Protein backbone atom coordinates (compact mmCIF):
# COMPACT_ATOMS: atom_id res chain seq x y z
CA MET A 1 97.26 236.51 -26.93
CA LEU A 2 99.85 233.53 -26.42
CA LEU A 3 101.24 235.52 -23.38
CA LEU A 4 97.77 235.90 -21.84
CA SER A 5 97.16 232.23 -22.21
CA LEU A 6 100.32 231.41 -20.72
CA PHE A 7 99.66 233.75 -17.63
CA ILE A 8 96.26 232.38 -16.98
CA ALA A 9 97.49 228.72 -17.20
CA GLU A 10 100.31 229.62 -14.73
CA THR A 11 98.02 231.44 -12.41
CA PHE A 12 95.50 228.55 -12.16
CA GLU A 13 97.71 225.65 -12.31
CA GLU A 14 97.31 225.04 -8.73
CA PRO A 15 93.60 224.67 -7.79
CA LEU A 16 92.38 227.35 -5.24
CA SER A 17 91.94 225.88 -1.74
CA GLU A 18 89.16 227.23 0.36
CA GLU A 19 88.19 225.99 3.74
CA VAL A 20 84.62 224.39 3.92
CA VAL A 21 82.71 226.20 6.61
CA GLU A 22 80.02 223.87 8.00
CA PRO A 23 76.64 225.71 8.63
CA PRO A 24 75.90 226.04 12.22
CA PRO A 25 73.70 223.36 13.76
CA VAL A 26 69.84 224.16 13.90
CA GLY A 27 66.97 223.09 15.86
CA LEU A 28 66.21 221.18 19.06
CA VAL A 29 67.53 217.70 19.72
CA LEU A 30 65.86 215.48 22.17
CA ALA A 31 68.79 213.01 22.72
CA GLY A 32 68.71 209.45 24.05
CA GLY A 33 65.12 209.09 24.63
CA LEU A 34 63.04 205.89 24.41
CA LEU A 35 60.44 206.54 21.68
CA VAL A 36 57.26 204.96 22.16
CA ASP A 37 54.16 205.02 19.80
CA SER A 38 51.97 202.63 17.76
CA GLU A 39 54.77 201.31 15.76
CA GLY A 40 56.72 200.10 18.69
CA GLU A 41 59.84 201.44 20.63
CA ARG A 42 63.36 202.31 19.90
CA THR A 43 66.02 204.55 21.62
CA ALA A 44 66.89 207.36 19.14
CA ASP A 45 67.50 211.23 19.28
CA VAL A 46 64.86 213.40 17.64
CA LEU A 47 65.92 216.43 15.81
CA ILE A 48 62.97 219.05 15.55
CA VAL A 49 63.32 221.88 12.94
CA ASP A 50 60.61 224.57 12.30
CA GLY A 51 58.07 222.85 14.50
CA LEU A 52 58.54 219.43 12.66
CA ILE A 53 60.44 216.32 13.33
CA HIS A 54 63.37 216.56 10.73
CA ALA A 55 65.43 213.62 11.69
CA ILE A 56 65.41 210.53 13.95
CA GLY A 57 68.75 208.72 14.57
CA GLN A 58 71.79 208.68 16.72
CA ASP A 59 74.26 211.32 17.84
CA LEU A 60 72.10 214.05 16.01
CA ASP A 61 73.21 217.64 16.31
CA GLY A 62 71.20 220.89 16.82
CA ALA A 63 71.56 224.33 18.31
CA GLU A 64 69.89 223.03 21.46
CA VAL A 65 70.36 219.63 22.95
CA LEU A 66 68.20 218.26 25.85
CA GLU A 67 69.67 214.96 27.24
CA LEU A 68 66.70 212.94 28.19
CA ASP A 69 68.91 209.82 29.62
CA GLY A 70 66.64 207.31 28.43
CA ALA A 71 63.22 208.97 29.27
CA ILE A 72 60.20 207.59 27.56
CA VAL A 73 58.88 209.92 24.82
CA THR A 74 55.52 209.64 23.26
CA PRO A 75 53.27 211.45 20.90
CA GLY A 76 51.20 214.21 22.47
CA LEU A 77 47.58 213.06 23.13
CA ILE A 78 44.57 213.93 21.01
CA ASP A 79 41.19 214.42 22.76
CA SER A 80 38.54 213.80 20.21
CA HIS A 81 35.57 215.34 21.94
CA VAL A 82 35.86 218.66 23.72
CA HIS A 83 34.25 221.97 23.89
CA THR A 84 37.02 224.70 23.89
CA THR A 85 34.55 227.56 24.10
CA LEU A 86 32.49 226.54 27.03
CA MET A 87 33.62 226.52 30.49
CA PRO A 88 32.44 224.62 33.69
CA GLY A 89 29.86 226.38 35.45
CA GLU A 90 30.16 229.53 33.15
CA TRP A 91 26.43 230.22 33.10
CA LEU A 92 25.89 230.12 36.80
CA ASN A 93 28.67 232.38 38.01
CA HIS A 94 28.77 235.65 36.22
CA GLU A 95 31.60 237.19 38.60
CA GLN A 96 34.45 235.33 37.09
CA ASP A 97 36.78 236.47 34.46
CA TRP A 98 35.74 233.81 31.92
CA ASP A 99 38.12 235.02 29.23
CA ALA A 100 41.07 234.55 31.45
CA LEU A 101 39.79 231.19 32.86
CA ARG A 102 39.32 229.85 29.38
CA ALA A 103 42.89 230.89 28.37
CA ALA A 104 44.20 229.23 31.42
CA SER A 105 42.17 225.96 30.58
CA MET A 106 43.60 225.97 27.11
CA ARG A 107 47.14 225.95 28.57
CA ALA A 108 46.03 223.28 31.03
CA TYR A 109 45.53 221.06 28.01
CA VAL A 110 49.11 221.56 26.79
CA ALA A 111 50.46 221.04 30.32
CA ALA A 112 48.68 217.82 30.39
CA GLY A 113 50.37 216.68 27.30
CA VAL A 114 47.14 217.07 25.02
CA THR A 115 48.37 218.58 22.10
CA THR A 116 45.37 218.41 19.67
CA VAL A 117 41.65 218.57 20.47
CA LEU A 118 38.42 218.03 18.38
CA ASP A 119 36.05 220.83 19.35
CA ALA A 120 32.61 218.84 18.90
CA VAL A 121 30.48 221.98 18.60
CA ALA A 122 31.06 225.66 18.89
CA TYR A 123 29.63 228.97 17.62
CA PRO A 124 32.11 229.94 15.02
CA GLU A 125 32.68 233.44 16.51
CA SER A 126 33.54 231.95 19.89
CA LEU A 127 35.84 229.37 18.25
CA ASP A 128 37.77 232.19 16.66
CA GLU A 129 38.59 233.74 20.15
CA VAL A 130 39.96 230.35 21.14
CA LEU A 131 42.01 229.99 18.14
CA ALA A 132 43.48 233.50 18.73
CA LEU A 133 45.08 232.52 21.93
CA GLU A 134 48.77 232.20 22.10
CA VAL A 135 49.05 229.00 24.16
CA ARG A 136 46.56 226.30 23.17
CA PRO A 137 46.51 222.65 21.55
CA GLU A 138 45.94 222.48 17.88
CA VAL A 139 42.22 222.78 17.63
CA LEU A 140 40.16 220.92 15.00
CA ALA A 141 36.41 221.52 14.69
CA LEU A 142 33.16 219.91 13.78
CA GLY A 143 30.48 221.81 11.92
CA MET A 144 27.50 222.85 13.70
CA PRO A 145 24.67 220.38 13.63
CA ALA A 146 21.43 221.01 11.73
CA ALA A 147 18.86 221.26 14.57
CA LEU A 148 15.03 221.06 14.48
CA PRO A 149 13.16 223.59 16.43
CA GLY A 150 12.77 222.34 20.05
CA SER A 151 15.41 219.82 19.66
CA TYR A 152 18.48 218.96 21.84
CA ALA A 153 20.79 221.93 20.60
CA PRO A 154 18.25 224.83 21.25
CA ALA A 155 17.43 223.39 24.41
CA VAL A 156 20.86 223.39 25.64
CA LEU A 157 22.60 226.21 23.94
CA PRO A 158 20.52 229.67 23.27
CA ASN A 159 20.18 231.23 19.93
CA TRP A 160 20.95 228.04 18.13
CA PRO A 161 20.23 228.11 14.50
CA THR A 162 17.44 225.71 13.34
CA VAL A 163 16.23 224.04 9.96
CA THR A 164 12.72 223.51 9.25
CA ASP A 165 12.71 221.79 5.84
CA VAL A 166 15.18 220.43 3.11
CA ALA A 167 15.89 223.84 1.80
CA SER A 168 17.02 225.28 4.93
CA LEU A 169 18.89 221.98 5.66
CA ASN A 170 20.76 222.46 2.45
CA ALA A 171 21.47 225.97 3.13
CA HIS A 172 22.92 225.13 6.52
CA LEU A 173 25.09 222.39 4.70
CA ASP A 174 26.53 225.01 2.41
CA ARG A 175 27.43 227.39 5.30
CA GLU A 176 29.15 224.49 7.14
CA ALA A 177 30.99 223.14 4.18
CA ALA A 178 32.49 226.57 3.83
CA ARG A 179 34.10 226.49 7.13
CA ASP A 180 37.39 224.84 8.07
CA ILE A 181 36.00 221.60 9.71
CA VAL A 182 36.79 218.02 9.66
CA GLY A 183 33.03 216.80 9.71
CA LEU A 184 29.58 217.64 10.69
CA LYS A 185 27.89 216.95 13.95
CA VAL A 186 24.61 215.31 14.04
CA LEU A 187 22.13 215.04 17.00
CA GLN A 188 20.45 211.79 17.56
CA GLU A 189 19.28 212.74 21.02
CA HIS A 190 15.70 212.12 21.86
CA GLY A 191 15.86 213.01 25.64
CA MET A 192 18.00 212.33 28.85
CA VAL A 193 15.16 210.77 30.93
CA ARG A 194 12.37 210.52 28.37
CA ASP A 195 11.76 211.22 24.75
CA THR A 196 11.56 215.17 24.74
CA TRP A 197 13.39 216.17 21.65
CA PRO A 198 12.76 215.69 17.98
CA VAL A 199 15.51 214.36 15.69
CA LEU A 200 15.94 214.51 11.80
CA ASP A 201 14.06 211.57 10.27
CA GLY A 202 12.37 210.71 7.06
CA GLU A 203 13.10 213.04 4.24
CA MET A 204 15.15 215.51 6.36
CA ALA A 205 17.28 212.58 7.45
CA GLU A 206 17.93 211.25 3.82
CA ALA A 207 18.59 214.91 2.76
CA LEU A 208 21.13 215.20 5.60
CA VAL A 209 23.04 212.02 4.52
CA VAL A 210 23.11 212.89 0.83
CA GLY A 211 23.89 216.45 1.35
CA ALA A 212 26.78 215.69 3.64
CA LYS A 213 28.15 213.20 1.21
CA GLU A 214 28.05 215.62 -1.79
CA ARG A 215 30.02 218.21 0.28
CA GLY A 216 32.46 215.76 1.63
CA LEU A 217 31.40 216.14 5.23
CA PRO A 218 31.79 212.88 7.26
CA LEU A 219 29.00 212.60 10.02
CA TYR A 220 29.85 212.59 13.72
CA VAL A 221 26.86 211.48 15.65
CA HIS A 222 25.95 212.52 19.07
CA ALA A 223 23.88 209.48 20.44
CA MET A 224 23.86 208.48 24.16
CA SER A 225 21.93 205.42 24.46
CA GLY A 226 22.02 201.87 22.67
CA ASP A 227 18.68 202.53 20.71
CA GLU A 228 20.02 206.01 19.62
CA ALA A 229 23.23 204.31 18.50
CA LEU A 230 21.40 201.73 16.35
CA GLU A 231 19.39 204.64 14.87
CA ALA A 232 22.46 206.49 14.21
CA LEU A 233 24.01 203.66 12.27
CA GLU A 234 20.98 204.03 9.75
CA LEU A 235 22.79 207.60 8.79
CA ASN A 236 25.97 205.88 7.81
CA PRO A 237 28.03 207.81 10.20
CA HIS A 238 31.75 208.05 10.29
CA ALA A 239 31.83 208.15 14.28
CA LEU A 240 29.67 208.36 17.14
CA MET A 241 30.75 210.95 19.73
CA HIS A 242 29.62 209.10 22.78
CA THR A 243 29.41 205.65 24.01
CA PRO A 244 25.93 204.38 25.36
CA LEU A 245 25.51 205.23 28.89
CA LYS A 246 24.23 201.66 29.66
CA PRO A 247 25.39 198.50 28.21
CA SER A 248 23.49 197.22 25.12
CA ILE A 249 24.43 193.99 23.60
CA GLU A 250 22.80 194.81 20.32
CA ALA A 251 24.36 198.18 19.91
CA ALA A 252 27.74 196.56 20.89
CA THR A 253 27.22 193.79 18.31
CA ALA A 254 26.02 196.17 15.66
CA LEU A 255 28.87 198.79 16.26
CA GLY A 256 31.46 195.94 16.41
CA ALA A 257 30.34 194.64 12.95
CA SER A 258 30.34 198.19 11.58
CA ASP A 259 33.49 200.31 10.44
CA VAL A 260 32.25 203.31 12.69
CA TRP A 261 34.49 204.84 15.12
CA VAL A 262 33.22 205.56 18.74
CA VAL A 263 34.51 208.18 21.11
CA THR A 264 34.53 207.07 24.75
CA THR A 265 33.57 210.22 26.91
CA MET A 266 33.43 208.14 30.16
CA ASP A 267 34.39 211.33 32.12
CA ILE A 268 30.91 212.66 31.65
CA THR A 269 29.69 210.37 34.35
CA ASP A 270 32.89 209.76 36.33
CA SER A 271 33.51 213.56 36.69
CA ALA A 272 30.11 213.59 38.44
CA LEU A 273 31.54 211.84 41.47
CA ILE A 274 33.77 214.85 42.17
CA GLU A 275 31.01 216.39 44.02
CA VAL A 276 30.69 213.64 46.35
CA GLU A 277 34.46 212.64 46.47
CA PRO A 278 36.15 215.95 47.49
CA ALA A 279 39.52 214.25 47.70
CA ARG A 280 39.83 214.47 44.09
CA VAL A 281 40.04 218.10 44.08
CA GLU A 282 43.12 217.71 46.29
CA GLU A 283 44.90 215.51 43.92
CA ALA A 284 48.29 217.03 42.63
CA LEU A 285 47.12 216.99 39.00
CA PHE A 286 43.74 218.63 39.65
CA GLN A 287 45.57 221.34 41.62
CA LEU A 288 48.18 221.73 38.82
CA LEU A 289 45.89 222.15 36.02
CA VAL A 290 42.59 223.39 37.29
CA PRO A 291 42.47 227.29 38.12
CA GLU A 292 41.65 227.80 41.66
CA ALA A 293 38.23 229.49 40.76
CA LEU A 294 36.94 226.37 39.17
CA ARG A 295 38.40 224.22 41.91
CA LEU A 296 36.48 226.05 44.46
CA ALA A 297 33.20 225.91 42.41
CA THR A 298 33.20 222.26 42.26
CA GLN A 299 32.74 222.29 46.00
CA ASP A 300 30.36 225.34 46.48
CA PRO A 301 27.05 224.04 47.71
CA GLU A 302 25.13 226.95 46.05
CA LEU A 303 26.63 226.36 42.71
CA GLN A 304 26.10 222.81 43.16
CA ARG A 305 22.42 223.40 43.80
CA ALA A 306 22.09 225.77 40.84
CA SER A 307 23.72 223.40 38.45
CA ARG A 308 21.33 220.61 39.36
CA ILE A 309 18.49 223.10 38.93
CA ALA A 310 19.82 224.23 35.57
CA MET A 311 20.38 220.54 34.29
CA GLY A 312 16.88 219.50 35.56
CA ASP A 313 15.24 222.45 33.68
CA VAL A 314 16.80 220.90 30.41
CA ALA A 315 16.40 217.16 31.06
CA LEU A 316 13.08 217.41 32.95
CA PRO A 317 11.64 220.63 32.05
CA ALA A 318 8.24 219.90 33.83
CA ALA A 319 9.95 218.74 37.18
CA PRO A 320 9.72 221.14 40.11
CA HIS A 321 12.90 222.82 41.37
CA TRP A 322 12.29 221.48 44.90
CA LEU A 323 12.91 218.07 43.18
CA THR A 324 15.76 218.71 40.76
CA LYS A 325 17.81 220.78 43.31
CA ARG A 326 18.17 217.68 45.67
CA PRO A 327 21.58 216.27 45.83
CA VAL A 328 22.18 212.90 44.10
CA GLY A 329 23.78 210.38 46.34
CA PRO A 330 27.27 208.89 45.82
CA LYS A 331 25.89 205.56 45.56
CA ILE A 332 23.52 206.50 42.56
CA LEU A 333 26.40 208.54 41.00
CA GLY A 334 28.75 205.56 41.41
CA LYS A 335 26.18 203.39 39.92
CA VAL A 336 25.63 205.36 36.81
CA ALA A 337 29.36 205.82 36.40
CA ALA A 338 30.04 201.97 36.77
CA SER A 339 27.20 201.25 34.20
CA HIS A 340 28.85 203.59 31.72
CA GLN A 341 32.24 201.91 32.15
CA GLU A 342 30.62 198.63 31.80
CA SER A 343 29.14 199.75 28.45
CA VAL A 344 32.50 200.69 27.04
CA ARG A 345 33.90 197.51 28.21
CA LEU A 346 31.29 195.59 26.23
CA LEU A 347 32.04 197.68 23.11
CA ARG A 348 35.77 196.89 23.40
CA GLU A 349 35.08 193.39 23.89
CA SER A 350 32.77 193.42 20.78
CA GLY A 351 35.74 194.78 18.61
CA VAL A 352 34.46 198.41 18.31
CA LYS A 353 36.80 200.97 17.13
CA LEU A 354 37.19 203.28 20.30
CA VAL A 355 38.87 206.55 20.17
CA MET A 356 39.70 208.58 23.47
CA GLY A 357 37.54 211.68 24.10
CA SER A 358 36.41 213.28 27.45
CA ASP A 359 33.58 215.71 26.42
CA ALA A 360 34.93 218.33 28.78
CA PRO A 361 33.28 220.33 30.21
CA GLY A 362 29.93 219.03 28.96
CA TRP A 363 27.45 221.88 29.51
CA PRO A 364 28.36 225.23 30.95
CA VAL A 365 26.01 224.61 33.72
CA ILE A 366 28.22 221.45 34.75
CA LEU A 367 30.96 222.07 37.56
CA ASN A 368 33.10 219.13 37.25
CA GLY A 369 34.13 218.55 33.74
CA VAL A 370 37.46 220.53 33.66
CA HIS A 371 39.67 220.93 30.75
CA GLY A 372 43.12 218.89 30.64
CA TYR A 373 42.50 216.95 33.70
CA SER A 374 39.23 215.22 32.18
CA SER A 375 41.53 214.00 29.40
CA ILE A 376 43.98 212.13 31.62
CA ARG A 377 41.14 210.90 33.61
CA GLU A 378 39.68 209.49 30.44
CA MET A 379 43.09 207.67 29.68
CA GLU A 380 42.89 206.24 33.21
CA LEU A 381 39.28 205.02 32.57
CA LEU A 382 40.26 203.30 29.42
CA GLU A 383 42.71 201.16 31.43
CA ALA A 384 39.87 200.58 34.03
CA ILE A 385 37.75 199.04 31.35
CA GLY A 386 40.45 196.64 30.18
CA MET A 387 42.70 198.41 27.81
CA THR A 388 46.33 198.17 28.25
CA PRO A 389 48.08 201.41 28.80
CA LEU A 390 49.46 201.15 25.26
CA GLU A 391 46.05 200.47 23.91
CA ALA A 392 44.91 203.60 25.64
CA LEU A 393 47.78 205.50 24.11
CA ASP A 394 46.86 204.29 20.69
CA ALA A 395 43.16 205.24 21.24
CA ALA A 396 44.62 208.71 21.77
CA THR A 397 47.00 209.03 19.15
CA SER A 398 47.16 206.72 16.00
CA ARG A 399 43.51 205.57 16.24
CA ALA A 400 42.47 209.19 16.64
CA THR A 401 44.55 210.50 13.68
CA GLU A 402 43.11 207.59 11.53
CA MET A 403 39.48 208.73 12.68
CA LEU A 404 40.41 212.32 11.94
CA GLY A 405 42.16 211.56 8.50
CA LEU A 406 45.40 213.13 9.77
CA GLN A 407 48.83 212.10 8.48
CA ASP A 408 50.92 214.66 10.49
CA ARG A 409 50.74 213.59 14.16
CA GLY A 410 49.94 210.72 16.35
CA ARG A 411 53.37 208.94 15.63
CA ILE A 412 56.86 209.70 16.20
CA GLU A 413 58.11 209.92 12.53
CA VAL A 414 59.97 212.26 10.06
CA GLY A 415 57.89 214.87 8.89
CA ALA A 416 55.20 214.70 11.56
CA ARG A 417 54.41 217.69 13.84
CA ALA A 418 56.59 217.78 16.78
CA ASP A 419 53.99 217.42 19.49
CA LEU A 420 55.60 215.13 21.95
CA VAL A 421 55.59 214.14 25.62
CA VAL A 422 58.61 213.35 27.80
CA HIS A 423 57.69 211.17 30.68
CA ARG A 424 58.68 211.05 34.24
CA GLN A 425 57.18 207.61 34.84
CA ASP A 426 56.45 204.74 32.49
CA PRO A 427 53.11 205.11 30.21
CA ARG A 428 53.76 201.35 29.15
CA THR A 429 52.80 200.15 32.57
CA SER A 430 50.21 202.71 33.58
CA THR A 431 47.88 205.43 32.31
CA SER A 432 48.59 207.31 35.57
CA ALA A 433 52.09 208.12 34.36
CA TRP A 434 50.28 210.89 32.44
CA ARG A 435 49.87 212.48 35.83
CA GLU A 436 53.59 213.33 36.00
CA LEU A 437 55.31 214.74 33.01
CA SER A 438 58.78 216.20 32.55
CA LEU A 439 58.24 218.12 29.25
CA VAL A 440 55.51 218.88 26.62
CA VAL A 441 56.78 219.76 23.18
CA LEU A 442 54.20 221.76 21.15
CA GLY A 443 54.86 222.58 17.61
CA GLY A 444 58.65 222.25 18.68
CA GLU A 445 58.64 224.30 21.60
CA ALA A 446 59.51 222.37 24.72
CA ARG A 447 58.47 223.43 28.32
CA THR A 448 57.79 221.92 31.54
CA PRO A 449 54.07 221.73 32.40
CA ALA A 450 54.32 224.53 35.00
CA GLU A 451 56.02 226.67 32.28
CA TRP A 452 53.13 226.08 29.87
CA LEU A 453 50.97 226.93 32.46
CA ALA A 454 52.64 230.16 33.24
CA HIS A 455 53.31 231.10 29.81
């Protein structure tokens, strides 16, 4: 036993020396970028691992390193009002491959630097088809609104489920609460030209407010006039999904005094000008993001006429087609867009919490509200109504995440989703810088806009 002990002691008198092998570097490093978000700016590397920001610092190592040479990096944009399942002009032209165009339009969001969208309303089965696409932004969704028979939703979208009493309303809320949604859409739309559609009121409105609160469903209300916005405030909403089309001092004052978020959606009136301003279709960004079939449709006289008739059938159901098919002149369209922008300017000056959203494509009988491009145009319109480019960035990133209750995006910080944009131009000085991007990083995968579109 003594000999064995001496042997062991002698054998292990000198410690064993083994070379420590460092594990190989992992992840993607964006090196030497100027990081810009709502918290400020700093020059640093970003290490991305498994789709998340793993580290921010200097001289980080990774399996792949992309040298940015001081290029500006921002969070990806969040468009807080889109309709991913609807396509511009889809109900007017049955000869297109709409599934392929829908997939191309979702790629357009990513190529535009829009990495998250809020789908404001969609049939669940149609939304599932979008969620199955290989390339798309992260899609959040609102629950389907409880609609009365003959109200706005059934007038615009066929086969819309309706409620007729408190019992059917609560059954609707139960179904929607079981879905993966961030809130419930509510319709406070009386009509586009005159009062045409009923809205929930009295006992039904009270049941909606109480039932949604019990189920943990924040209310996101569709209201498009100052009076409708004031009515919507009585529902204790979390957000309004539109700004009033015309300036309303009363609504602006009330919204400014509230804690309600308001989604801007100025593109719905601005995009109408594409019909009378064909030069927009020739813009480099429009050409890049919008599939050829949709570009051509915006300038097709027959489709334009069909679009006007279809919209007239909803907004003015008693009007003859000889009236509704007539083109609307550029002066009127320009006046409507300018009034809408002045309304949003008033909201901003009143301290309203504004969030970027485009409402693309609106209805599937509208030709000009195109996915991706509309989001960037909305950013430019935010600057046009008085926001600085950095305020517009906040409205499309950190403010949107606050409205949506998200903690994992909208800022460049460790643990956040690696949804980032590398810019060619300076987005701090002009929102038009969003028209020229070097790279878009979605879930940690970095590609050029052209590569995302071709993916």
